[in-house]
Structures are given as C-alpha cells and as structure tokens.
Amino acid sequence: MTSERDEATNSVADRFPARVLARPKVAQLPEPPTSTWRIIGPGVVAAGVGLASGEFILFPYIASQVGLVFVWAALVGVVTQYFLNMEIERYTLATGETALTGFSRYWRHWGLVFAVLTILANLWPGWVTSSATLVTYLWGGSVTWIAVGMLVAIGLILTLAPIVYVALERVEMLKVAAVVVLLGVGAFVAISADAWNDLPTIITDAGLPAEELGFALLLGALAFAGAGGGQNLVQSNWIRDKGFGMGRYVPRIASPVTGKPEAAPSTGFVFEPTEENLTRWRAWWRFANREQLYTFVLITFVSILFTSLLAYSTVFGRDDLPNGIGFLRIEGEQLAATVGGWFGTLFWLVGAVSLFAAALGIVDYTARLVADVIKTSYARRVKESTLYFLLVWLLILVGCVILLAGFGQPLVLLVISASVGGMMMFVYSALLMVLNRRTLPKQIRIGSGRMVALAWSFLLFGVLSVLTVIDQGAKLFGG
C-alpha cells in the first residue's frame, strides 16, 4: 500500500498498476461546465434504455395483481443503482478510462468476463420483438418481419450517425419525452380518483407479496428497476463520449460512413491533485451527481410509479393477465374502453417506440462494452469505431437469424438472463470498491459513505442473484 508520503512525492500515475496496461498520461483536468443543463444526456440515455419491459410490463403487472404495495422496491433499486453508476462515473471522470479498463489493470480478462456475460444476457432480440408485437396491435402484420426490419433500422441508425452517442442521446430523449406525454395525459384522463387516493398505500401497506406472485418475479423487479447488468458499466462510455472530465481527451465513436473515426489510446489520462484541478474536480463531481439524480433516478422512478398507477386503475384484480407482452394488449384494450380508442392507440404507440429505443440502446451498449474490452486488452492497434460497427452488425445478423429461424427464447435462457445481470452487479460492486479506493488519489477516491453504499449493492445483488437462481432452479427441475 502506498503511504501518504509516497503519494505526495510520486506522480499520480504511479498508483495505477502497469502489469497489464501502460500507466495513464498526466494531463490537466478540463474546465467544468457552467450549468448542469449543458451536460444533461448520459442519465437520460440510461433512463431511456432502462425503461423497457420492467417499467412497461413487470411493475404494472405486479400493481394489477396486488396493488401498490411493492412500488417501494423500485425506489430501492433505482437509488442503489444511482450510487453504483456514480462510482463507475468517478473512475471515468478522473481518468478518461472506462471502469472495465480499470478492472483490467488488476486482471487482464475481467473485461472479457463481463463482455461474455453481457452478450449472454442480450443475444436474444427480446426488446425488438416486444416492440414489433405492439406494432401488430396497432396495424397488424407479422411480428417476425417487423422485428427484422427494426433490427436493420437499428443497425443503420448506429452506422450512419456521424457521432453515434449524439444519435443515441436524441433517440432516448425523444423516447423519454413520449413516455412523459403518455403519463402526463394518463394522469388526468386514465388514472381514477380511487387510484390516487390509494397512493399512500405505497408506504402504509408496503410489503413483499411473494406468496401471491412468486419470489423470483419480485426479486427481479427490485434488483433490475432502471438499468442493470452491463448497462450500468457502459455509463463510463456514455459520459466519456459526452466529454465529462478527463473523458474529453478521448475521441468519440464516429461513423465509418458519415463521420471521421480517430485512433484512440488504450489507456487514459489522469490529473495531478493540485488546488486548481481539485477545484475543477469538485465542480465536475457535483454536476455529474446532479445529472444522474435529475435524470436517471427521477425519470425512472416516476415512470414506474405512473405506469403502476395506470395498471392499478384499469386492470387491478383481473386474474387473466399474462406476465409478458400480452399484458399490454389487455391493458391497452381496457384503456380504449374506459378512456377512448385514441388513448389505447397512444398507449401502444408509445410502448412500441419505447421498446424500440430500448433495443437500440441495448445493441449500442453491448457493442460499446465488447469493443472497449477488445481494444483495451487484445487488439490495441485496431480502431474502437471499427470494432464497434462490426459488433453492431454481428448482433443484428444473429438477431435476424434467430427471428427468421422461428426460435422463441428458451426458458433456460430466460432464467440465465434474469440472474446474469445481478451476478455481474454483485461482482463489479466489489471491484469498484477496490478500484476507486486503491487507484485514485486520496483527495478524490471513494469515501466511507459511498463505500457503505457499494457494500449494500454488493450484498443486495449477491443475495438476490443466489435466491433467484435457487427459486428458478427449483421450478425448472421440479424441486
């Protein structure tokens, strides 16, 4: 362990392990923005990608069966992920490197482990199929061919945008705006007075209705409200492309067709803890925390709350509701009957847009994460942009083959997908404690309060992952 005296005399770059990767270069921390609004974006992207089946199906389904007694779990899950995201951002703000690069400094293959797990969780094109299903509720057609068309459209959007992050941010902001409009209108025309009166039961009747709904369903909802799994790790890549902190020195992923991809170093940059740099750091850290709080946390929780209220107000108590995409068909039909056909159409349309944007974000972050790992640890001479676009189209191709071959998502893969994200978060919660405590200078490293938050994340996702696997394993094998 480096002593404080050594810290004062050695270069800050000397703290970084150099067994696998070269130490980062020393540079000045860029000037922070003068307004939080200028850096709004990564949190919206995280919320936009994360607002998928959990927010449109899982929590509303729970509300339709047992009321609002489990909405508290969404807040616990989102707040836990807020602290997790901020420790991922801390490392990237300070170094310009992704958290995965930081992990790879301690063991070269950490990135590969997380890349494989992320691909395993996201290989089946479930989100785009769900979006296509909602389109058929509106206009009919073949789910398979609509989903294939959506996959190709995703590939073209990510390929032709001059700066990929900018396109992704605009799509996710459009999605969030559409969801806000839906929920805003629904608050006045679709959520009943009785539902509003029952809002306090979120606190007064808070519970864990495992007997009614099953343990795995509730654990999955709590653990993965918001983002989850590899998406949290890619917060590093998104804030770097937005130009946060030392990430401003790293080129963004640009289209090989309409942009100008640049060669990027495998390692990052770090600043000496001078008074000027530390003043800038405090401003960056304050802005980054606000951006996540005002966007990711607020948007995600409010969306879960209102979609739960919408379901509770319209289909509460029905015992014929499937825990899947079919749930949205019944809810949409009920909304059309009680409010008007126009609102049922709006509900399905926003749902289709939302799930398509989630699929776009999932393809993006899977390709980003894997490209970053390959570039950093295995192919340092190759441009990250080149790797990214090859991976995007590989994911699109595999998705199309799966759809055209007529495969559904096997039960075993559903079980794996439900637990792999939690297992990843369990592991990287511990790695972040080590990385941000040992590597960063004492003036900016993680403090005791945030260490407690990461310890909570480690225990929460570890316990929930184990219990989910046990519960699902018992069902799968008849135990």
Protein backbone atom coordinates (compact mmCIF):
# COMPACT_ATOMS: atom_id res chain seq x y z
CA MET A 1 0.00 0.00 0.00
CA THR A 2 1.37 3.39 -0.96
CA SER A 3 1.95 5.69 2.01
CA GLU A 4 0.66 9.28 2.13
CA ARG A 5 4.25 10.49 1.99
CA ASP A 6 4.86 8.50 -1.20
CA GLU A 7 1.62 9.87 -2.60
CA ALA A 8 2.85 13.39 -2.07
CA THR A 9 6.15 12.82 -3.87
CA ASN A 10 5.32 10.37 -6.67
CA SER A 11 3.39 11.11 -9.83
CA VAL A 12 -0.30 10.33 -9.52
CA ALA A 13 0.07 7.94 -12.48
CA ASP A 14 2.38 5.71 -10.40
CA ARG A 15 -0.64 4.48 -8.40
CA PHE A 16 -2.02 2.66 -11.44
CA PRO A 17 -0.96 -0.99 -11.87
CA ALA A 18 1.14 -1.37 -15.02
CA ARG A 19 1.43 -5.17 -15.18
CA VAL A 20 -1.18 -5.42 -17.94
CA LEU A 21 -1.68 -1.90 -19.30
CA ALA A 22 0.55 1.15 -19.55
CA ARG A 23 0.01 3.80 -16.92
CA PRO A 24 -2.18 6.76 -17.94
CA LYS A 25 -0.64 10.01 -19.10
CA VAL A 26 -0.77 13.07 -16.86
CA ALA A 27 -2.87 16.00 -18.13
CA GLN A 28 -4.83 18.96 -16.79
CA LEU A 29 -8.44 18.31 -15.78
CA PRO A 30 -10.64 20.22 -18.28
CA GLU A 31 -12.78 23.13 -17.16
CA PRO A 32 -16.18 22.05 -15.80
CA PRO A 33 -19.40 23.33 -17.40
CA THR A 34 -21.08 26.42 -16.01
CA SER A 35 -24.55 24.83 -15.99
CA THR A 36 -25.90 21.34 -15.30
CA TRP A 37 -28.11 21.61 -18.39
CA ARG A 38 -25.04 21.56 -20.63
CA ILE A 39 -24.12 18.05 -19.50
CA ILE A 40 -27.63 16.57 -19.37
CA GLY A 41 -27.63 13.45 -21.52
CA PRO A 42 -25.98 10.29 -20.13
CA GLY A 43 -28.56 9.99 -17.36
CA VAL A 44 -31.38 10.41 -19.87
CA VAL A 45 -29.78 7.75 -22.08
CA ALA A 46 -29.51 5.41 -19.08
CA ALA A 47 -33.15 6.03 -18.16
CA GLY A 48 -34.28 5.71 -21.78
CA VAL A 49 -32.50 2.40 -22.35
CA GLY A 50 -33.57 1.11 -18.95
CA LEU A 51 -37.27 1.95 -19.44
CA ALA A 52 -38.21 -1.31 -21.09
CA SER A 53 -40.27 -4.36 -20.17
CA GLY A 54 -39.72 -3.91 -16.43
CA GLU A 55 -41.34 -0.49 -16.43
CA PHE A 56 -44.00 -1.28 -19.05
CA ILE A 57 -44.79 -4.86 -18.04
CA LEU A 58 -43.27 -6.09 -14.77
CA PHE A 59 -44.15 -3.36 -12.24
CA PRO A 60 -47.56 -2.64 -13.85
CA TYR A 61 -48.32 -6.38 -13.77
CA ILE A 62 -47.41 -6.51 -10.07
CA ALA A 63 -49.67 -3.49 -9.42
CA SER A 64 -52.51 -5.14 -11.33
CA GLN A 65 -52.29 -8.22 -9.09
CA VAL A 66 -51.52 -6.90 -5.59
CA GLY A 67 -51.95 -3.13 -5.79
CA LEU A 68 -49.25 -0.59 -4.99
CA VAL A 69 -47.66 -2.42 -2.07
CA PHE A 70 -44.43 -3.21 -3.95
CA VAL A 71 -43.70 0.13 -5.66
CA TRP A 72 -41.26 0.92 -2.83
CA ALA A 73 -38.90 -1.68 -4.30
CA ALA A 74 -38.48 0.41 -7.44
CA LEU A 75 -37.10 3.30 -5.40
CA VAL A 76 -34.70 0.99 -3.53
CA GLY A 77 -33.46 -0.49 -6.78
CA VAL A 78 -33.03 2.83 -8.59
CA VAL A 79 -31.28 4.57 -5.66
CA THR A 80 -28.90 1.62 -5.28
CA GLN A 81 -28.06 1.85 -8.98
CA TYR A 82 -27.55 5.60 -8.64
CA PHE A 83 -24.65 5.04 -6.23
CA LEU A 84 -23.32 2.24 -8.41
CA ASN A 85 -23.45 4.45 -11.52
CA MET A 86 -21.70 7.29 -9.72
CA GLU A 87 -18.75 5.11 -8.70
CA ILE A 88 -18.48 3.92 -12.30
CA GLU A 89 -18.53 7.58 -13.34
CA ARG A 90 -15.99 8.57 -10.67
CA TYR A 91 -13.28 6.46 -12.27
CA THR A 92 -14.02 7.71 -15.79
CA LEU A 93 -14.23 11.35 -14.71
CA ALA A 94 -10.81 11.01 -13.09
CA THR A 95 -9.06 9.01 -15.83
CA GLY A 96 -10.98 9.05 -19.11
CA GLU A 97 -10.86 5.24 -18.96
CA THR A 98 -13.90 3.03 -18.61
CA ALA A 99 -14.40 1.11 -15.40
CA LEU A 100 -13.74 -2.09 -17.36
CA THR A 101 -10.30 -0.79 -18.33
CA GLY A 102 -9.67 -0.10 -14.65
CA PHE A 103 -10.68 -3.65 -13.73
CA SER A 104 -8.39 -4.98 -16.47
CA ARG A 105 -5.43 -3.29 -14.80
CA TYR A 106 -5.76 -5.82 -11.98
CA TRP A 107 -6.53 -8.84 -14.17
CA ARG A 108 -6.42 -8.68 -17.94
CA HIS A 109 -9.51 -10.83 -18.51
CA TRP A 110 -12.02 -9.06 -16.25
CA GLY A 111 -13.33 -7.19 -19.26
CA LEU A 112 -13.75 -10.42 -21.22
CA VAL A 113 -15.78 -11.93 -18.38
CA PHE A 114 -18.21 -9.01 -18.35
CA ALA A 115 -18.33 -8.88 -22.17
CA VAL A 116 -19.34 -12.55 -22.38
CA LEU A 117 -21.98 -12.13 -19.67
CA THR A 118 -23.42 -9.05 -21.38
CA ILE A 119 -23.67 -10.85 -24.74
CA LEU A 120 -25.26 -13.83 -23.00
CA ALA A 121 -27.91 -11.59 -21.45
CA ASN A 122 -28.62 -9.60 -24.64
CA LEU A 123 -28.16 -12.05 -27.52
CA TRP A 124 -31.87 -12.87 -27.89
CA PRO A 125 -33.68 -9.92 -29.55
CA GLY A 126 -36.43 -9.78 -26.95
CA TRP A 127 -36.94 -6.00 -26.76
CA VAL A 128 -37.31 -5.52 -30.51
CA THR A 129 -39.74 -8.45 -30.68
CA SER A 130 -41.82 -6.84 -27.94
CA SER A 131 -41.85 -3.55 -29.86
CA ALA A 132 -42.90 -5.36 -33.03
CA THR A 133 -45.71 -7.10 -31.13
CA LEU A 134 -47.12 -3.73 -30.05
CA VAL A 135 -46.97 -2.54 -33.65
CA THR A 136 -49.18 -5.51 -34.63
CA TYR A 137 -51.73 -4.40 -32.02
CA LEU A 138 -51.92 -1.11 -33.89
CA TRP A 139 -51.74 -2.11 -37.55
CA GLY A 140 -51.45 -5.88 -37.75
CA GLY A 141 -48.68 -7.67 -39.66
CA SER A 142 -46.03 -10.27 -38.92
CA VAL A 143 -44.12 -9.85 -35.66
CA THR A 144 -41.11 -11.62 -37.17
CA TRP A 145 -40.75 -9.43 -40.26
CA ILE A 146 -41.49 -6.21 -38.37
CA ALA A 147 -38.81 -7.16 -35.81
CA VAL A 148 -36.29 -7.95 -38.57
CA GLY A 149 -37.00 -4.55 -40.14
CA MET A 150 -36.49 -2.88 -36.77
CA LEU A 151 -33.14 -4.63 -36.29
CA VAL A 152 -31.94 -3.44 -39.69
CA ALA A 153 -33.14 0.09 -38.85
CA ILE A 154 -31.17 -0.04 -35.59
CA GLY A 155 -28.05 -1.05 -37.50
CA LEU A 156 -28.49 1.80 -39.98
CA ILE A 157 -29.13 4.40 -37.26
CA LEU A 158 -25.97 3.41 -35.38
CA THR A 159 -23.91 3.17 -38.58
CA LEU A 160 -24.96 6.35 -40.39
CA ALA A 161 -24.97 8.77 -37.44
CA PRO A 162 -21.76 10.88 -37.68
CA ILE A 163 -21.32 10.66 -33.88
CA VAL A 164 -23.07 7.59 -32.50
CA TYR A 165 -23.58 8.94 -28.98
CA VAL A 166 -25.33 12.06 -30.28
CA ALA A 167 -27.82 9.96 -32.25
CA LEU A 168 -28.41 7.67 -29.29
CA GLU A 169 -28.97 10.61 -26.95
CA ARG A 170 -31.52 12.18 -29.31
CA VAL A 171 -33.45 8.92 -29.72
CA GLU A 172 -33.57 8.28 -25.98
CA MET A 173 -34.60 11.88 -25.25
CA LEU A 174 -37.42 11.52 -27.80
CA LYS A 175 -38.47 8.30 -26.10
CA VAL A 176 -38.44 9.84 -22.62
CA ALA A 177 -40.45 12.80 -23.92
CA ALA A 178 -43.04 10.42 -25.42
CA VAL A 179 -43.32 8.50 -22.15
CA VAL A 180 -43.71 11.74 -20.20
CA VAL A 181 -46.52 12.86 -22.54
CA LEU A 182 -48.28 9.50 -22.16
CA LEU A 183 -48.03 9.54 -18.38
CA GLY A 184 -48.97 13.22 -18.17
CA VAL A 185 -52.13 12.72 -20.22
CA GLY A 186 -52.87 9.46 -18.39
CA ALA A 187 -52.64 11.18 -15.01
CA PHE A 188 -55.65 13.32 -15.95
CA VAL A 189 -57.79 11.02 -18.09
CA ALA A 190 -56.95 7.42 -17.17
CA ILE A 191 -55.89 7.20 -13.51
CA SER A 192 -59.01 7.13 -11.36
CA ALA A 193 -59.64 9.15 -8.21
CA ASP A 194 -59.67 5.89 -6.23
CA ALA A 195 -56.18 5.06 -7.51
CA TRP A 196 -54.89 8.49 -6.48
CA ASN A 197 -56.50 8.04 -3.05
CA ASP A 198 -54.70 4.72 -2.65
CA LEU A 199 -51.29 6.27 -3.40
CA PRO A 200 -50.28 6.38 0.32
CA THR A 201 -50.52 2.57 0.45
CA ILE A 202 -47.10 2.52 -1.26
CA ILE A 203 -45.78 3.37 2.21
CA THR A 204 -48.52 2.33 4.63
CA ASP A 205 -49.06 -1.15 3.11
CA ALA A 206 -45.53 -1.76 1.81
CA GLY A 207 -44.79 -5.44 1.62
CA LEU A 208 -43.21 -8.39 -0.20
CA PRO A 209 -46.13 -10.30 -1.76
CA ALA A 210 -44.09 -13.40 -2.59
CA GLU A 211 -46.92 -15.83 -1.84
CA GLU A 212 -49.16 -14.25 -4.46
CA LEU A 213 -46.62 -13.63 -7.22
CA GLY A 214 -43.58 -15.77 -6.58
CA PHE A 215 -40.21 -14.84 -5.18
CA ALA A 216 -38.30 -14.64 -8.48
CA LEU A 217 -40.69 -12.14 -10.05
CA LEU A 218 -40.41 -9.74 -7.12
CA LEU A 219 -36.65 -10.11 -6.77
CA GLY A 220 -36.15 -9.43 -10.47
CA ALA A 221 -38.31 -6.31 -10.26
CA LEU A 222 -36.41 -4.95 -7.24
CA ALA A 223 -32.93 -5.74 -8.47
CA PHE A 224 -33.30 -4.56 -12.05
CA ALA A 225 -35.53 -1.49 -11.77
CA GLY A 226 -33.91 1.06 -14.08
CA ALA A 227 -30.80 -0.34 -15.70
CA GLY A 228 -28.92 -3.45 -14.59
CA GLY A 229 -26.04 -5.66 -15.64
CA GLY A 230 -23.81 -4.38 -18.42
CA GLN A 231 -25.82 -1.18 -18.91
CA ASN A 232 -24.51 0.31 -15.68
CA LEU A 233 -20.91 -0.36 -16.76
CA VAL A 234 -21.43 1.45 -20.08
CA GLN A 235 -22.23 4.62 -18.13
CA SER A 236 -18.44 5.05 -18.41
CA ASN A 237 -18.58 5.06 -22.21
CA TRP A 238 -21.56 7.38 -22.42
CA ILE A 239 -20.13 10.09 -20.14
CA ARG A 240 -16.80 9.83 -21.95
CA ASP A 241 -18.49 10.41 -25.30
CA LYS A 242 -20.34 13.36 -23.73
CA GLY A 243 -16.96 14.85 -22.74
CA PHE A 244 -17.18 14.54 -18.95
CA GLY A 245 -13.95 15.22 -17.06
CA MET A 246 -10.84 13.51 -18.42
CA GLY A 247 -13.05 11.76 -20.98
CA ARG A 248 -12.76 14.94 -23.07
CA TYR A 249 -9.30 13.77 -24.19
CA VAL A 250 -10.67 10.50 -25.65
CA PRO A 251 -12.16 10.54 -29.21
CA ARG A 252 -15.82 9.59 -29.58
CA ILE A 253 -17.08 6.66 -31.66
CA ALA A 254 -17.79 8.06 -35.14
CA SER A 255 -19.45 6.51 -38.19
CA PRO A 256 -17.08 4.95 -40.78
CA VAL A 257 -19.53 6.24 -43.44
CA THR A 258 -20.51 9.76 -42.37
CA GLY A 259 -18.00 10.55 -39.63
CA LYS A 260 -14.25 10.63 -39.14
CA PRO A 261 -13.18 7.87 -36.72
CA GLU A 262 -9.98 8.66 -34.85
CA ALA A 263 -7.43 6.35 -33.33
CA ALA A 264 -7.83 6.32 -29.55
CA PRO A 265 -5.26 5.29 -26.93
CA SER A 266 -5.90 2.06 -24.99
CA THR A 267 -5.32 3.87 -21.71
CA GLY A 268 -6.44 7.22 -20.39
CA PHE A 269 -5.28 10.38 -18.67
CA VAL A 270 -5.04 11.38 -15.05
CA PHE A 271 -4.57 14.74 -13.35
CA GLU A 272 -2.27 15.74 -10.52
CA PRO A 273 -4.24 16.78 -7.39
CA THR A 274 -3.28 20.45 -7.49
CA GLU A 275 -5.61 23.02 -5.94
CA GLU A 276 -6.77 24.17 -9.38
CA ASN A 277 -7.52 20.62 -10.52
CA LEU A 278 -9.27 19.73 -7.26
CA THR A 279 -11.50 22.80 -7.55
CA ARG A 280 -12.44 21.69 -11.05
CA TRP A 281 -12.93 18.11 -9.80
CA ARG A 282 -15.40 19.18 -7.12
CA ALA A 283 -17.43 21.03 -9.75
CA TRP A 284 -17.39 18.05 -12.14
CA TRP A 285 -18.38 15.66 -9.35
CA ARG A 286 -21.22 17.91 -8.24
CA PHE A 287 -22.53 18.29 -11.81
CA ALA A 288 -22.27 14.55 -12.54
CA ASN A 289 -24.19 13.63 -9.38
CA ARG A 290 -26.94 16.13 -10.18
CA GLU A 291 -27.21 14.92 -13.78
CA GLN A 292 -27.76 11.31 -12.66
CA LEU A 293 -30.16 12.30 -9.88
CA TYR A 294 -32.30 14.64 -12.00
CA THR A 295 -32.48 12.28 -14.98
CA PHE A 296 -31.85 8.58 -14.32
CA VAL A 297 -33.30 8.39 -10.80
CA LEU A 298 -36.18 10.84 -11.25
CA ILE A 299 -37.30 9.73 -14.72
CA THR A 300 -37.08 6.02 -13.91
CA PHE A 301 -38.94 6.13 -10.61
CA VAL A 302 -41.66 8.50 -11.80
CA SER A 303 -42.21 6.30 -14.88
CA ILE A 304 -42.53 3.14 -12.76
CA LEU A 305 -44.87 4.92 -10.35
CA PHE A 306 -47.21 6.22 -13.08
CA THR A 307 -47.27 3.03 -15.17
CA SER A 308 -48.08 1.13 -11.97
CA LEU A 309 -50.88 3.59 -11.17
CA LEU A 310 -52.19 3.27 -14.72
CA ALA A 311 -52.35 -0.52 -14.49
CA TYR A 312 -53.81 -0.42 -10.97
CA SER A 313 -56.52 1.98 -12.08
CA THR A 314 -57.61 -0.04 -15.13
CA VAL A 315 -56.95 -3.78 -14.68
CA PHE A 316 -56.41 -4.32 -10.93
CA GLY A 317 -57.77 -7.64 -9.74
CA ARG A 318 -58.06 -9.39 -13.11
CA ASP A 319 -56.77 -12.95 -13.00
CA ASP A 320 -56.40 -13.39 -16.78
CA LEU A 321 -53.37 -11.11 -17.22
CA PRO A 322 -50.24 -12.75 -18.67
CA ASN A 323 -46.86 -11.76 -17.22
CA GLY A 324 -45.50 -10.84 -20.63
CA ILE A 325 -46.09 -8.65 -23.65
CA GLY A 326 -49.71 -9.88 -23.85
CA PHE A 327 -50.37 -7.91 -20.68
CA LEU A 328 -50.03 -4.68 -22.69
CA ARG A 329 -52.68 -5.79 -25.18
CA ILE A 330 -55.26 -6.31 -22.44
CA GLU A 331 -54.32 -3.06 -20.69
CA GLY A 332 -54.48 -1.13 -23.95
CA GLU A 333 -57.92 -2.58 -24.76
CA GLN A 334 -59.15 -1.67 -21.29
CA LEU A 335 -57.81 1.87 -21.62
CA ALA A 336 -59.53 2.21 -25.00
CA ALA A 337 -62.82 1.03 -23.46
CA THR A 338 -62.68 3.31 -20.41
CA VAL A 339 -60.97 6.43 -21.78
CA GLY A 340 -61.36 6.22 -25.55
CA GLY A 341 -59.85 4.46 -28.54
CA TRP A 342 -57.37 7.32 -29.02
CA PHE A 343 -55.73 6.68 -25.63
CA GLY A 344 -55.42 2.94 -26.21
CA THR A 345 -53.69 3.73 -29.50
CA LEU A 346 -51.41 6.28 -27.81
CA PHE A 347 -50.55 3.71 -25.12
CA TRP A 348 -49.50 1.06 -27.65
CA LEU A 349 -47.69 3.60 -29.87
CA VAL A 350 -45.58 4.99 -27.02
CA GLY A 351 -44.91 1.45 -25.81
CA ALA A 352 -43.69 0.42 -29.27
CA VAL A 353 -41.42 3.50 -29.54
CA SER A 354 -40.15 2.91 -26.00
CA LEU A 355 -39.24 -0.73 -26.54
CA PHE A 356 -37.63 0.06 -29.93
CA ALA A 357 -35.47 2.76 -28.31
CA ALA A 358 -34.55 0.28 -25.56
CA ALA A 359 -33.49 -2.24 -28.22
CA LEU A 360 -31.39 0.45 -29.93
CA GLY A 361 -29.68 1.25 -26.65
CA ILE A 362 -29.08 -2.41 -25.83
CA VAL A 363 -27.39 -3.05 -29.18
CA ASP A 364 -25.32 0.10 -28.69
CA TYR A 365 -24.15 -0.62 -25.17
CA THR A 366 -23.41 -4.30 -25.87
CA ALA A 367 -21.25 -3.35 -28.86
CA ARG A 368 -19.58 -0.50 -26.91
CA LEU A 369 -18.71 -2.69 -23.96
CA VAL A 370 -17.28 -5.53 -26.06
CA ALA A 371 -15.40 -3.16 -28.42
CA ASP A 372 -13.84 -1.39 -25.44
CA VAL A 373 -12.68 -4.70 -23.98
CA ILE A 374 -11.18 -5.97 -27.25
CA LYS A 375 -9.47 -2.65 -27.98
CA THR A 376 -8.01 -2.29 -24.49
CA SER A 377 -6.76 -5.80 -23.79
CA TYR A 378 -6.49 -7.75 -27.03
CA ALA A 379 -6.29 -5.60 -30.19
CA ARG A 380 -4.77 -2.26 -29.26
CA ARG A 381 -3.88 -1.30 -32.83
CA VAL A 382 -7.45 -1.61 -34.10
CA LYS A 383 -9.74 1.44 -34.00
CA GLU A 384 -12.53 1.15 -31.45
CA SER A 385 -15.00 2.58 -34.00
CA THR A 386 -14.21 -0.28 -36.40
CA LEU A 387 -14.73 -2.90 -33.71
CA TYR A 388 -17.94 -1.22 -32.59
CA PHE A 389 -19.58 -1.27 -36.03
CA LEU A 390 -18.54 -4.86 -36.72
CA LEU A 391 -20.11 -5.90 -33.43
CA VAL A 392 -23.31 -3.91 -34.08
CA TRP A 393 -23.90 -5.72 -37.36
CA LEU A 394 -22.92 -9.07 -35.88
CA LEU A 395 -25.59 -8.59 -33.19
CA ILE A 396 -28.10 -7.52 -35.85
CA LEU A 397 -27.26 -10.56 -38.01
CA VAL A 398 -27.56 -13.02 -35.12
CA GLY A 399 -30.86 -11.44 -34.07
CA CYS A 400 -32.27 -11.73 -37.60
CA VAL A 401 -31.19 -15.37 -37.87
CA ILE A 402 -32.85 -16.19 -34.55
CA LEU A 403 -36.09 -14.49 -35.62
CA LEU A 404 -36.21 -15.97 -39.14
CA ALA A 405 -35.43 -19.44 -37.81
CA GLY A 406 -38.56 -19.17 -35.68
CA PHE A 407 -36.86 -19.66 -32.34
CA GLY A 408 -38.52 -18.36 -29.22
CA GLN A 409 -36.44 -17.53 -26.18
CA PRO A 410 -35.96 -20.85 -24.34
CA LEU A 411 -36.94 -20.97 -20.68
CA VAL A 412 -33.40 -21.72 -19.61
CA LEU A 413 -32.16 -18.54 -21.32
CA LEU A 414 -34.85 -16.51 -19.59
CA VAL A 415 -33.60 -17.87 -16.26
CA ILE A 416 -29.99 -17.10 -17.20
CA SER A 417 -30.87 -13.57 -18.36
CA ALA A 418 -32.79 -12.91 -15.14
CA SER A 419 -29.83 -13.81 -12.94
CA VAL A 420 -26.76 -12.85 -15.00
CA GLY A 421 -27.30 -9.09 -14.62
CA GLY A 422 -27.48 -9.36 -10.84
CA MET A 423 -24.42 -11.58 -10.74
CA MET A 424 -22.48 -9.01 -12.77
CA MET A 425 -23.53 -6.20 -10.44
CA PHE A 426 -22.60 -8.29 -7.41
CA VAL A 427 -19.07 -8.78 -8.79
CA TYR A 428 -18.39 -5.27 -10.07
CA SER A 429 -19.71 -3.66 -6.88
CA ALA A 430 -16.73 -5.28 -5.14
CA LEU A 431 -14.31 -4.41 -7.96
CA LEU A 432 -15.36 -0.75 -7.84
CA MET A 433 -14.58 -0.60 -4.11
CA VAL A 434 -11.06 -1.84 -4.82
CA LEU A 435 -10.54 0.27 -7.95
CA ASN A 436 -11.73 3.61 -6.58
CA ARG A 437 -10.04 3.13 -3.22
CA ARG A 438 -6.62 1.89 -4.31
CA THR A 439 -6.05 3.60 -7.63
CA LEU A 440 -7.33 7.16 -7.31
CA PRO A 441 -5.55 9.86 -5.28
CA LYS A 442 -6.83 10.21 -1.71
CA GLN A 443 -8.36 13.63 -2.48
CA ILE A 444 -10.84 12.16 -4.98
CA ARG A 445 -11.13 8.49 -4.05
CA ILE A 446 -14.33 6.94 -2.75
CA GLY A 447 -15.23 7.93 0.81
CA SER A 448 -16.65 5.86 3.64
CA GLY A 449 -20.29 6.80 2.92
CA ARG A 450 -20.11 5.67 -0.71
CA MET A 451 -18.20 2.56 0.39
CA VAL A 452 -21.21 1.65 2.54
CA ALA A 453 -23.49 2.20 -0.48
CA LEU A 454 -21.34 -0.14 -2.61
CA ALA A 455 -21.24 -2.70 0.20
CA TRP A 456 -25.06 -2.57 0.24
CA SER A 457 -25.10 -3.05 -3.56
CA PHE A 458 -22.70 -6.00 -3.23
CA LEU A 459 -24.88 -7.69 -0.61
CA LEU A 460 -28.20 -6.86 -2.31
CA PHE A 461 -27.33 -8.15 -5.76
CA GLY A 462 -25.37 -11.09 -4.40
CA VAL A 463 -28.21 -12.32 -2.19
CA LEU A 464 -30.91 -11.63 -4.80
CA SER A 465 -28.97 -13.41 -7.55
CA VAL A 466 -28.46 -16.51 -5.42
CA LEU A 467 -32.08 -16.59 -4.26
CA THR A 468 -33.37 -16.06 -7.80
CA VAL A 469 -31.26 -18.92 -9.15
CA ILE A 470 -32.40 -21.21 -6.32
CA ASP A 471 -36.05 -20.28 -6.82
CA GLN A 472 -35.96 -20.66 -10.60
CA GLY A 473 -33.88 -23.81 -10.40
CA ALA A 474 -36.45 -25.42 -8.14
CA LYS A 475 -39.19 -24.59 -10.65
CA LEU A 476 -37.13 -25.65 -13.64
CA PHE A 477 -36.17 -29.05 -12.25
CA GLY A 478 -39.27 -29.68 -10.21
CA GLY A 479 -37.55 -29.31 -6.86
